[in-house]
């Protein structure tokens, strides 16, 4: 259902969705960087492993990916709206 009528409403919604998407990406990058580099600053012989993966890799690439996929689905369902980009008369 198209609830946005004017071009200004559509532009505001597009800007809102863009800001949310960038915010999620920045959060994911911070998570990835902090866990990837923060947990890997030891000698490799001291690494702990989860499911055969180093802890830093597991948290950075596996858990982070799963969490942010779920967050993206939730944010899309809650904040994003489906509407056409063409101008209506």
N, C-alpha and C. Protein backbone atom coordinates (compact mmCIF):
# COMPACT_ATOMS: atom_id res chain seq x y z
N UNK A 1 0.84 -1.18 0.00
CA UNK A 1 0.00 0.00 0.00
C UNK A 1 0.88 1.24 0.00
N UNK A 2 0.57 2.17 -0.85
CA UNK A 2 1.34 3.40 -0.98
C UNK A 2 0.72 4.47 -0.09
N UNK A 3 1.37 4.76 1.04
CA UNK A 3 0.84 5.75 1.98
C UNK A 3 1.45 7.12 1.79
N UNK A 4 2.55 7.21 1.05
CA UNK A 4 3.20 8.49 0.82
C UNK A 4 2.64 9.10 -0.46
N UNK A 5 2.21 10.34 -0.37
CA UNK A 5 1.55 10.97 -1.52
C UNK A 5 2.43 11.99 -2.21
N UNK A 6 3.05 12.86 -1.46
CA UNK A 6 3.79 13.94 -2.10
C UNK A 6 5.25 13.57 -2.31
N UNK A 7 5.87 14.29 -3.20
CA UNK A 7 7.28 14.09 -3.49
C UNK A 7 8.13 14.37 -2.24
N UNK A 8 7.74 15.38 -1.46
CA UNK A 8 8.49 15.74 -0.26
C UNK A 8 8.43 14.61 0.78
N UNK A 9 7.28 13.97 0.94
CA UNK A 9 7.16 12.85 1.87
C UNK A 9 8.04 11.68 1.43
N UNK A 10 8.04 11.43 0.14
CA UNK A 10 8.88 10.35 -0.39
C UNK A 10 10.36 10.66 -0.19
N UNK A 11 10.75 11.90 -0.44
CA UNK A 11 12.15 12.29 -0.25
C UNK A 11 12.56 12.18 1.21
N UNK A 12 11.70 12.56 2.13
CA UNK A 12 12.00 12.43 3.56
C UNK A 12 12.18 10.97 3.95
N UNK A 13 11.31 10.10 3.42
CA UNK A 13 11.41 8.68 3.72
C UNK A 13 12.69 8.08 3.14
N UNK A 14 13.03 8.47 1.93
CA UNK A 14 14.27 7.99 1.31
C UNK A 14 15.48 8.42 2.12
N UNK A 15 15.51 9.67 2.57
CA UNK A 15 16.62 10.16 3.38
C UNK A 15 16.70 9.42 4.71
N UNK A 16 15.55 9.16 5.32
CA UNK A 16 15.52 8.43 6.59
C UNK A 16 16.07 7.01 6.41
N UNK A 17 15.64 6.33 5.35
CA UNK A 17 16.10 4.97 5.10
C UNK A 17 17.59 4.94 4.79
N UNK A 18 18.08 5.93 4.08
CA UNK A 18 19.50 6.01 3.77
C UNK A 18 20.33 6.19 5.05
N UNK A 19 19.89 7.08 5.93
CA UNK A 19 20.61 7.31 7.18
C UNK A 19 20.62 6.06 8.06
N UNK A 20 19.51 5.34 8.09
CA UNK A 20 19.43 4.11 8.87
C UNK A 20 20.39 3.06 8.30
N UNK A 21 20.41 2.92 6.98
CA UNK A 21 21.29 1.93 6.34
C UNK A 21 22.76 2.26 6.60
N UNK A 22 23.13 3.53 6.50
CA UNK A 22 24.52 3.93 6.76
C UNK A 22 24.86 3.70 8.22
N UNK A 23 23.94 4.02 9.13
CA UNK A 23 24.16 3.81 10.56
C UNK A 23 24.40 2.33 10.86
N UNK A 24 23.58 1.45 10.28
CA UNK A 24 23.77 0.01 10.48
C UNK A 24 25.12 -0.45 9.95
N UNK A 25 25.51 0.05 8.79
CA UNK A 25 26.79 -0.35 8.23
C UNK A 25 27.95 0.12 9.10
N UNK A 26 27.88 1.35 9.60
CA UNK A 26 28.94 1.86 10.47
C UNK A 26 29.01 1.04 11.75
N UNK A 27 27.87 0.70 12.33
CA UNK A 27 27.88 -0.15 13.51
C UNK A 27 28.51 -1.51 13.22
N UNK A 28 28.18 -2.09 12.08
CA UNK A 28 28.75 -3.38 11.71
C UNK A 28 30.26 -3.27 11.54
N UNK A 29 30.71 -2.20 10.89
CA UNK A 29 32.14 -2.03 10.70
C UNK A 29 32.86 -1.88 12.04
N UNK A 30 32.28 -1.10 12.94
CA UNK A 30 32.88 -0.94 14.27
C UNK A 30 32.93 -2.28 14.98
N UNK A 31 31.86 -3.06 14.94
CA UNK A 31 31.84 -4.39 15.55
C UNK A 31 32.93 -5.27 14.95
N UNK A 32 32.97 -5.30 13.62
CA UNK A 32 33.94 -6.14 12.92
C UNK A 32 35.36 -5.74 13.27
N UNK A 33 35.66 -4.46 13.24
CA UNK A 33 37.00 -3.97 13.52
C UNK A 33 37.39 -4.22 14.98
N UNK A 34 36.49 -3.92 15.90
CA UNK A 34 36.81 -4.08 17.33
C UNK A 34 37.03 -5.54 17.69
N UNK A 35 36.18 -6.43 17.21
CA UNK A 35 36.36 -7.84 17.55
C UNK A 35 37.47 -8.47 16.74
N UNK A 36 37.61 -8.10 15.49
CA UNK A 36 38.64 -8.68 14.64
C UNK A 36 40.04 -8.29 15.06
N UNK A 37 40.24 -7.02 15.30
CA UNK A 37 41.57 -6.56 15.67
C UNK A 37 41.77 -6.52 17.18
N UNK A 38 40.70 -6.29 17.91
CA UNK A 38 40.82 -6.21 19.36
C UNK A 38 41.11 -7.54 20.03
N UNK A 39 40.54 -8.61 19.49
CA UNK A 39 40.74 -9.94 20.08
C UNK A 39 41.92 -10.69 19.48
N UNK A 40 42.50 -10.14 18.42
CA UNK A 40 43.58 -10.87 17.75
C UNK A 40 44.96 -10.30 18.03
N UNK A 41 45.09 -9.50 19.06
CA UNK A 41 46.38 -8.85 19.31
C UNK A 41 47.32 -9.71 20.17
N UNK A 42 47.06 -11.00 20.20
CA UNK A 42 47.90 -11.93 20.96
C UNK A 42 48.76 -12.74 19.99
N UNK A 43 49.66 -13.47 20.57
CA UNK A 43 50.45 -14.43 19.79
C UNK A 43 49.51 -15.56 19.33
N UNK A 44 49.57 -15.96 18.09
CA UNK A 44 48.67 -17.01 17.60
C UNK A 44 48.70 -18.31 18.42
N UNK A 45 49.77 -18.58 19.10
CA UNK A 45 49.81 -19.79 19.92
C UNK A 45 48.92 -19.67 21.16
N UNK A 46 48.48 -18.44 21.49
CA UNK A 46 47.62 -18.21 22.65
C UNK A 46 46.14 -18.08 22.29
N UNK A 47 45.81 -18.21 21.02
CA UNK A 47 44.41 -18.06 20.59
C UNK A 47 43.54 -19.14 21.22
N UNK A 48 42.32 -18.76 21.52
CA UNK A 48 41.29 -19.72 21.92
C UNK A 48 40.41 -19.95 20.69
N UNK A 49 39.77 -21.11 20.66
CA UNK A 49 39.00 -21.49 19.47
C UNK A 49 37.55 -21.80 19.82
N UNK A 50 36.65 -21.43 18.92
CA UNK A 50 35.23 -21.76 19.02
C UNK A 50 34.85 -22.42 17.70
N UNK A 51 34.36 -23.65 17.77
CA UNK A 51 33.99 -24.41 16.57
C UNK A 51 35.15 -24.49 15.57
N UNK A 52 36.36 -24.56 16.08
CA UNK A 52 37.53 -24.68 15.23
C UNK A 52 38.02 -23.37 14.65
N UNK A 53 37.36 -22.27 14.98
CA UNK A 53 37.76 -20.96 14.47
C UNK A 53 38.37 -20.14 15.60
N UNK A 54 39.36 -19.32 15.30
CA UNK A 54 39.87 -18.44 16.36
C UNK A 54 38.75 -17.55 16.90
N UNK A 55 38.81 -17.26 18.19
CA UNK A 55 37.75 -16.48 18.83
C UNK A 55 37.50 -15.16 18.12
N UNK A 56 38.58 -14.47 17.75
CA UNK A 56 38.42 -13.17 17.10
C UNK A 56 37.68 -13.31 15.77
N UNK A 57 37.97 -14.35 15.02
CA UNK A 57 37.30 -14.56 13.74
C UNK A 57 35.84 -14.95 13.96
N UNK A 58 35.59 -15.82 14.93
CA UNK A 58 34.23 -16.27 15.20
C UNK A 58 33.33 -15.09 15.56
N UNK A 59 33.78 -14.25 16.49
CA UNK A 59 32.97 -13.10 16.89
C UNK A 59 32.88 -12.05 15.80
N UNK A 60 33.96 -11.81 15.11
CA UNK A 60 33.99 -10.78 14.09
C UNK A 60 33.17 -11.15 12.86
N UNK A 61 33.41 -12.33 12.32
CA UNK A 61 32.83 -12.68 11.03
C UNK A 61 31.59 -13.56 11.10
N UNK A 62 31.44 -14.36 12.13
CA UNK A 62 30.28 -15.25 12.21
C UNK A 62 29.16 -14.60 13.03
N UNK A 63 29.44 -14.30 14.28
CA UNK A 63 28.41 -13.72 15.15
C UNK A 63 27.99 -12.34 14.66
N UNK A 64 28.95 -11.51 14.28
CA UNK A 64 28.62 -10.17 13.78
C UNK A 64 27.74 -10.23 12.56
N UNK A 65 28.06 -11.12 11.64
CA UNK A 65 27.26 -11.26 10.42
C UNK A 65 25.83 -11.68 10.75
N UNK A 66 25.68 -12.66 11.62
CA UNK A 66 24.35 -13.13 11.99
C UNK A 66 23.55 -12.03 12.69
N UNK A 67 24.18 -11.35 13.66
CA UNK A 67 23.48 -10.29 14.40
C UNK A 67 23.03 -9.16 13.47
N UNK A 68 23.90 -8.76 12.57
CA UNK A 68 23.54 -7.63 11.72
C UNK A 68 22.61 -8.03 10.59
N UNK A 69 22.57 -9.28 10.19
CA UNK A 69 21.52 -9.73 9.27
C UNK A 69 20.16 -9.65 9.94
N UNK A 70 20.09 -10.11 11.18
CA UNK A 70 18.83 -10.04 11.94
C UNK A 70 18.44 -8.58 12.17
N UNK A 71 19.40 -7.74 12.54
CA UNK A 71 19.12 -6.32 12.76
C UNK A 71 18.61 -5.66 11.48
N UNK A 72 19.19 -6.01 10.34
CA UNK A 72 18.75 -5.44 9.07
C UNK A 72 17.32 -5.85 8.73
N UNK A 73 16.98 -7.09 8.98
CA UNK A 73 15.62 -7.56 8.73
C UNK A 73 14.63 -6.81 9.61
N UNK A 74 14.94 -6.68 10.89
CA UNK A 74 14.05 -5.99 11.83
C UNK A 74 13.89 -4.52 11.45
N UNK A 75 15.00 -3.86 11.18
CA UNK A 75 14.95 -2.43 10.83
C UNK A 75 14.17 -2.23 9.53
N UNK A 76 14.35 -3.12 8.58
CA UNK A 76 13.62 -3.00 7.31
C UNK A 76 12.12 -3.14 7.52
N UNK A 77 11.72 -4.09 8.34
CA UNK A 77 10.29 -4.30 8.58
C UNK A 77 9.67 -3.16 9.38
N UNK A 78 10.44 -2.55 10.28
CA UNK A 78 9.89 -1.52 11.16
C UNK A 78 9.93 -0.13 10.53
N UNK A 79 11.05 0.24 9.91
CA UNK A 79 11.24 1.63 9.49
C UNK A 79 11.08 1.88 8.00
N UNK A 80 11.26 0.88 7.17
CA UNK A 80 11.21 1.11 5.73
C UNK A 80 9.78 0.97 5.22
N UNK A 81 9.46 1.73 4.17
CA UNK A 81 8.13 1.69 3.57
C UNK A 81 8.26 1.37 2.09
N UNK A 82 7.28 0.65 1.58
CA UNK A 82 7.26 0.30 0.17
C UNK A 82 6.43 1.33 -0.58
N UNK A 83 7.06 2.00 -1.54
CA UNK A 83 6.34 2.98 -2.35
C UNK A 83 7.04 3.13 -3.68
N UNK A 84 6.29 3.57 -4.66
CA UNK A 84 6.84 3.80 -5.99
C UNK A 84 7.59 5.11 -6.05
N UNK A 85 8.61 5.16 -6.88
CA UNK A 85 9.39 6.39 -7.00
C UNK A 85 8.86 7.33 -8.07
N UNK A 86 7.92 6.86 -8.88
CA UNK A 86 7.37 7.71 -9.92
C UNK A 86 6.44 8.76 -9.32
N UNK A 87 6.32 9.91 -9.98
CA UNK A 87 5.44 10.97 -9.50
C UNK A 87 3.99 10.62 -9.79
N UNK A 88 3.15 10.87 -8.78
CA UNK A 88 1.72 10.61 -8.94
C UNK A 88 1.01 11.91 -9.21
N UNK A 89 -0.04 11.83 -9.96
CA UNK A 89 -0.83 13.04 -10.27
C UNK A 89 -1.91 13.26 -9.25
